């Protein structure tokens, strides 16, 4: 695997348009991922099939999503986009404003302490600054052991309940 020449090419920004907006430049439910793999794991094939998801890398290249042979979401192709950098900046700015608004509400309850910039409602103005402010979600490995254990515990509890009910 070749390493991109710019780290922003590895960062993926998704915009879920909610099916109502067909203009990719309008921010919807925006999310950011450290890698293509992390982003693709979070996407449902049905959303891609219905063209509800727009994707760019942080360098402004459009990522055209598709469905692979195993019914998983893939990047079908990467396209140059003349206004891609502006779209990415707009999406990230929208997400950052949402984060500031949420932090202000939580700060009013005394659960976080705002920075001076947040108190003033000022957010970064560059893609790099916005990525640093927003951060990345932590996406853990898909581990079926924990859900399997929970299912086993639930089945054991149901069995115990049934046995106790029949004995009494």
C-alpha atoms as a PDB file:
ATOM      1  CA  UNK A   1       0.000   0.000   0.000  1.00  0.00           C
ATOM      2  CA  UNK A   2       1.458   3.341  -0.988  1.00  0.00           C
ATOM      3  CA  UNK A   3       1.475   6.177   1.505  1.00  0.00           C
ATOM      4  CA  UNK A   4      -0.298   9.346   0.319  1.00  0.00           C
ATOM      5  CA  UNK A   5       1.927  12.376  -0.101  1.00  0.00           C
ATOM      6  CA  UNK A   6      -0.423  14.469   2.057  1.00  0.00           C
ATOM      7  CA  UNK A   7      -1.892  13.179   5.326  1.00  0.00           C
ATOM      8  CA  UNK A   8      -5.151  15.003   4.555  1.00  0.00           C
ATOM      9  CA  UNK A   9      -5.725  12.479   1.756  1.00  0.00           C
ATOM     10  CA  UNK A  10      -6.233   9.758   4.380  1.00  0.00           C
ATOM     11  CA  UNK A  11      -8.813  11.657   6.447  1.00  0.00           C
ATOM     12  CA  UNK A  12     -12.388  11.031   5.271  1.00  0.00           C
ATOM     13  CA  UNK A  13     -15.323  13.359   5.828  1.00  0.00           C
ATOM     14  CA  UNK A  14     -18.844  12.028   5.293  1.00  0.00           C
ATOM     15  CA  UNK A  15     -22.007  14.063   4.864  1.00  0.00           C
ATOM     16  CA  UNK A  16     -25.320  12.273   5.343  1.00  0.00           C
ATOM     17  CA  UNK A  17     -27.766  14.359   3.368  1.00  0.00           C
ATOM     18  CA  UNK A  18     -30.832  12.812   5.038  1.00  0.00           C
ATOM     19  CA  UNK A  19     -32.191  12.236   1.543  1.00  0.00           C
ATOM     20  CA  UNK A  20     -33.576  15.767   1.379  1.00  0.00           C
ATOM     21  CA  UNK A  21     -30.577  17.644  -0.022  1.00  0.00           C
ATOM     22  CA  UNK A  22     -29.053  16.646  -3.325  1.00  0.00           C
ATOM     23  CA  UNK A  23     -26.451  19.393  -3.201  1.00  0.00           C
ATOM     24  CA  UNK A  24     -23.266  17.884  -1.785  1.00  0.00           C
ATOM     25  CA  UNK A  25     -22.060  21.291  -0.594  1.00  0.00           C
ATOM     26  CA  UNK A  26     -24.877  21.634   1.953  1.00  0.00           C
ATOM     27  CA  UNK A  27     -23.777  20.210   5.315  1.00  0.00           C
ATOM     28  CA  UNK A  28     -26.072  17.577   6.787  1.00  0.00           C
ATOM     29  CA  UNK A  29     -24.966  15.081   9.406  1.00  0.00           C
ATOM     30  CA  UNK A  30     -21.197  15.438   9.019  1.00  0.00           C
ATOM     31  CA  UNK A  31     -18.696  12.971  10.467  1.00  0.00           C
ATOM     32  CA  UNK A  32     -14.933  12.655  10.230  1.00  0.00           C
ATOM     33  CA  UNK A  33     -12.742   9.541  10.158  1.00  0.00           C
ATOM     34  CA  UNK A  34      -9.022   8.983  10.468  1.00  0.00           C
ATOM     35  CA  UNK A  35      -8.940   6.540   7.546  1.00  0.00           C
ATOM     36  CA  UNK A  36     -10.949   5.260   4.613  1.00  0.00           C
ATOM     37  CA  UNK A  37     -11.290   1.891   6.327  1.00  0.00           C
ATOM     38  CA  UNK A  38     -12.817   3.416   9.467  1.00  0.00           C
ATOM     39  CA  UNK A  39     -15.267   5.456   7.391  1.00  0.00           C
ATOM     40  CA  UNK A  40     -16.309   2.555   5.186  1.00  0.00           C
ATOM     41  CA  UNK A  41     -16.949   0.306   8.199  1.00  0.00           C
ATOM     42  CA  UNK A  42     -19.489   2.777   9.532  1.00  0.00           C
ATOM     43  CA  UNK A  43     -21.523   3.043   6.328  1.00  0.00           C
ATOM     44  CA  UNK A  44     -24.607   0.999   5.554  1.00  0.00           C
ATOM     45  CA  UNK A  45     -24.962  -0.223   1.963  1.00  0.00           C
ATOM     46  CA  UNK A  46     -28.590   0.950   1.745  1.00  0.00           C
ATOM     47  CA  UNK A  47     -27.548   4.562   2.446  1.00  0.00           C
ATOM     48  CA  UNK A  48     -24.991   4.420  -0.345  1.00  0.00           C
ATOM     49  CA  UNK A  49     -27.450   2.767  -2.729  1.00  0.00           C
ATOM     50  CA  UNK A  50     -29.904   5.615  -2.144  1.00  0.00           C
ATOM     51  CA  UNK A  51     -27.159   8.248  -2.635  1.00  0.00           C
ATOM     52  CA  UNK A  52     -27.671   9.769   0.790  1.00  0.00           C
ATOM     53  CA  UNK A  53     -23.979   9.906   1.648  1.00  0.00           C
ATOM     54  CA  UNK A  54     -21.435  12.291   0.158  1.00  0.00           C
ATOM     55  CA  UNK A  55     -17.745  11.720   0.846  1.00  0.00           C
ATOM     56  CA  UNK A  56     -14.524  13.699   0.431  1.00  0.00           C
ATOM     57  CA  UNK A  57     -11.059  13.290   1.777  1.00  0.00           C
ATOM     58  CA  UNK A  58      -9.780  16.244   3.790  1.00  0.00           C
ATOM     59  CA  UNK A  59      -7.606  17.335   0.856  1.00  0.00           C
ATOM     60  CA  UNK A  60     -10.794  18.033  -1.139  1.00  0.00           C
ATOM     61  CA  UNK A  61     -10.935  15.004  -3.413  1.00  0.00           C
ATOM     62  CA  UNK A  62     -14.426  13.545  -3.952  1.00  0.00           C
ATOM     63  CA  UNK A  63     -14.785   9.906  -2.964  1.00  0.00           C
ATOM     64  CA  UNK A  64     -17.456   8.163  -5.020  1.00  0.00           C
ATOM     65  CA  UNK A  65     -18.944   5.378  -2.927  1.00  0.00           C
ATOM     66  CA  UNK A  66     -20.242   2.091  -4.248  1.00  0.00           C
ATOM     67  CA  UNK A  67     -21.116  -1.429  -3.221  1.00  0.00           C
ATOM     68  CA  UNK A  68     -18.522  -4.187  -3.597  1.00  0.00           C
ATOM     69  CA  UNK A  69     -18.990  -7.836  -4.537  1.00  0.00           C
ATOM     70  CA  UNK A  70     -19.455  -8.865  -0.905  1.00  0.00           C
ATOM     71  CA  UNK A  71     -22.190  -6.202  -0.429  1.00  0.00           C
ATOM     72  CA  UNK A  72     -19.824  -3.957   1.521  1.00  0.00           C
ATOM     73  CA  UNK A  73     -19.355  -0.229   0.964  1.00  0.00           C
ATOM     74  CA  UNK A  74     -16.285   0.623  -1.118  1.00  0.00           C
ATOM     75  CA  UNK A  75     -14.709   3.663  -2.695  1.00  0.00           C
ATOM     76  CA  UNK A  76     -15.482   3.133  -6.363  1.00  0.00           C
ATOM     77  CA  UNK A  77     -13.281   6.026  -7.495  1.00  0.00           C
ATOM     78  CA  UNK A  78     -11.631   9.258  -6.435  1.00  0.00           C
ATOM     79  CA  UNK A  79     -12.362  12.405  -8.419  1.00  0.00           C
ATOM     80  CA  UNK A  80     -10.774  15.811  -8.546  1.00  0.00           C
ATOM     81  CA  UNK A  81     -13.291  18.452  -7.522  1.00  0.00           C
ATOM     82  CA  UNK A  82     -12.517  22.127  -8.212  1.00  0.00           C
ATOM     83  CA  UNK A  83     -14.426  23.325  -5.151  1.00  0.00           C
ATOM     84  CA  UNK A  84     -13.712  20.244  -3.007  1.00  0.00           C
ATOM     85  CA  UNK A  85     -11.543  22.107  -0.496  1.00  0.00           C
ATOM     86  CA  UNK A  86     -14.280  24.706   0.038  1.00  0.00           C
ATOM     87  CA  UNK A  87     -16.905  21.986   0.482  1.00  0.00           C
ATOM     88  CA  UNK A  88     -14.744  20.199   3.059  1.00  0.00           C
ATOM     89  CA  UNK A  89     -14.157  23.480   4.913  1.00  0.00           C
ATOM     90  CA  UNK A  90     -17.906  24.197   4.901  1.00  0.00           C
ATOM     91  CA  UNK A  91     -18.751  20.716   6.210  1.00  0.00           C
ATOM     92  CA  UNK A  92     -16.126  20.836   8.965  1.00  0.00           C
ATOM     93  CA  UNK A  93     -17.142  24.374   9.952  1.00  0.00           C
ATOM     94  CA  UNK A  94     -20.747  23.213  10.333  1.00  0.00           C
ATOM     95  CA  UNK A  95     -19.651  20.260  12.475  1.00  0.00           C
ATOM     96  CA  UNK A  96     -17.419  22.490  14.628  1.00  0.00           C
ATOM     97  CA  UNK A  97     -20.292  24.925  15.249  1.00  0.00           C
ATOM     98  CA  UNK A  98     -22.463  21.990  16.356  1.00  0.00           C
ATOM     99  CA  UNK A  99     -19.735  20.889  18.755  1.00  0.00           C
ATOM    100  CA  UNK A 100     -19.356  24.392  20.210  1.00  0.00           C
ATOM    101  CA  UNK A 101     -23.136  24.661  20.668  1.00  0.00           C
ATOM    102  CA  UNK A 102     -23.239  21.289  22.429  1.00  0.00           C
ATOM    103  CA  UNK A 103     -20.276  22.175  24.649  1.00  0.00           C
ATOM    104  CA  UNK A 104     -21.907  25.481  25.609  1.00  0.00           C
ATOM    105  CA  UNK A 105     -25.076  23.630  26.699  1.00  0.00           C
ATOM    106  CA  UNK A 106     -23.047  21.123  28.726  1.00  0.00           C
ATOM    107  CA  UNK A 107     -20.913  23.911  30.223  1.00  0.00           C
ATOM    108  CA  UNK A 108     -24.071  25.641  31.464  1.00  0.00           C
ATOM    109  CA  UNK A 109     -24.658  22.527  33.563  1.00  0.00           C
ATOM    110  CA  UNK A 110     -21.105  22.741  34.921  1.00  0.00           C
ATOM    111  CA  UNK A 111     -19.920  19.522  33.276  1.00  0.00           C
ATOM    112  CA  UNK A 112     -17.216  20.996  31.010  1.00  0.00           C
ATOM    113  CA  UNK A 113     -15.107  24.130  31.007  1.00  0.00           C
ATOM    114  CA  UNK A 114     -15.073  26.089  27.757  1.00  0.00           C
ATOM    115  CA  UNK A 115     -11.939  27.556  26.273  1.00  0.00           C
ATOM    116  CA  UNK A 116     -11.802  31.305  25.714  1.00  0.00           C
ATOM    117  CA  UNK A 117     -12.337  30.770  21.998  1.00  0.00           C
ATOM    118  CA  UNK A 118     -15.350  28.571  22.619  1.00  0.00           C
ATOM    119  CA  UNK A 119     -16.825  31.167  24.972  1.00  0.00           C
ATOM    120  CA  UNK A 120     -16.434  33.736  22.199  1.00  0.00           C
ATOM    121  CA  UNK A 121     -17.927  31.321  19.634  1.00  0.00           C
ATOM    122  CA  UNK A 122     -14.705  31.347  17.607  1.00  0.00           C
ATOM    123  CA  UNK A 123     -13.663  28.193  15.775  1.00  0.00           C
ATOM    124  CA  UNK A 124     -10.605  27.420  13.635  1.00  0.00           C
ATOM    125  CA  UNK A 125     -10.685  28.608  10.039  1.00  0.00           C
ATOM    126  CA  UNK A 126      -8.511  25.991   8.331  1.00  0.00           C
ATOM    127  CA  UNK A 127      -9.191  22.343   7.545  1.00  0.00           C
ATOM    128  CA  UNK A 128      -6.244  21.301   9.706  1.00  0.00           C
ATOM    129  CA  UNK A 129      -7.406  23.479  12.605  1.00  0.00           C
ATOM    130  CA  UNK A 130     -10.967  22.193  12.351  1.00  0.00           C
ATOM    131  CA  UNK A 131      -9.772  18.582  12.308  1.00  0.00           C
ATOM    132  CA  UNK A 132      -7.672  19.266  15.398  1.00  0.00           C
ATOM    133  CA  UNK A 133     -10.640  20.893  17.175  1.00  0.00           C
ATOM    134  CA  UNK A 134     -13.194  18.254  16.186  1.00  0.00           C
ATOM    135  CA  UNK A 135     -10.975  15.222  16.644  1.00  0.00           C
ATOM    136  CA  UNK A 136     -11.740  11.717  15.485  1.00  0.00           C
ATOM    137  CA  UNK A 137     -14.212   9.235  16.899  1.00  0.00           C
ATOM    138  CA  UNK A 138     -12.581   6.170  18.307  1.00  0.00           C
ATOM    139  CA  UNK A 139     -13.730   3.185  16.336  1.00  0.00           C
ATOM    140  CA  UNK A 140     -12.841   0.002  18.091  1.00  0.00           C
ATOM    141  CA  UNK A 141     -12.430  -3.308  16.355  1.00  0.00           C
ATOM    142  CA  UNK A 142     -15.588  -5.230  15.660  1.00  0.00           C
ATOM    143  CA  UNK A 143     -15.565  -7.724  18.448  1.00  0.00           C
ATOM    144  CA  UNK A 144     -18.326 -10.285  18.508  1.00  0.00           C
ATOM    145  CA  UNK A 145     -17.048 -11.761  21.766  1.00  0.00           C
ATOM    146  CA  UNK A 146     -18.631  -9.092  24.002  1.00  0.00           C
ATOM    147  CA  UNK A 147     -22.083  -9.130  22.328  1.00  0.00           C
ATOM    148  CA  UNK A 148     -21.923 -12.928  22.314  1.00  0.00           C
ATOM    149  CA  UNK A 149     -21.238 -12.946  26.056  1.00  0.00           C
ATOM    150  CA  UNK A 150     -24.136 -10.586  26.650  1.00  0.00           C
ATOM    151  CA  UNK A 151     -26.421 -12.824  24.629  1.00  0.00           C
ATOM    152  CA  UNK A 152     -25.268 -15.860  26.601  1.00  0.00           C
ATOM    153  CA  UNK A 153     -25.934 -14.036  29.885  1.00  0.00           C
ATOM    154  CA  UNK A 154     -29.396 -13.032  28.690  1.00  0.00           C
ATOM    155  CA  UNK A 155     -30.193 -16.610  27.688  1.00  0.00           C
ATOM    156  CA  UNK A 156     -28.953 -17.902  31.060  1.00  0.00           C
ATOM    157  CA  UNK A 157     -31.083 -15.332  32.878  1.00  0.00           C
ATOM    158  CA  UNK A 158     -34.145 -16.310  30.847  1.00  0.00           C
ATOM    159  CA  UNK A 159     -33.503 -19.991  31.540  1.00  0.00           C
ATOM    160  CA  UNK A 160     -33.066 -19.348  35.285  1.00  0.00           C
ATOM    161  CA  UNK A 161     -36.242 -17.286  35.362  1.00  0.00           C
ATOM    162  CA  UNK A 162     -38.166 -20.044  33.581  1.00  0.00           C
ATOM    163  CA  UNK A 163     -36.836 -22.737  35.936  1.00  0.00           C
ATOM    164  CA  UNK A 164     -37.620 -20.717  39.055  1.00  0.00           C
ATOM    165  CA  UNK A 165     -41.105 -20.000  37.762  1.00  0.00           C
ATOM    166  CA  UNK A 166     -41.805 -23.692  37.154  1.00  0.00           C
ATOM    167  CA  UNK A 167     -40.384 -24.768  40.542  1.00  0.00           C
ATOM    168  CA  UNK A 168     -42.441 -22.265  42.504  1.00  0.00           C
END
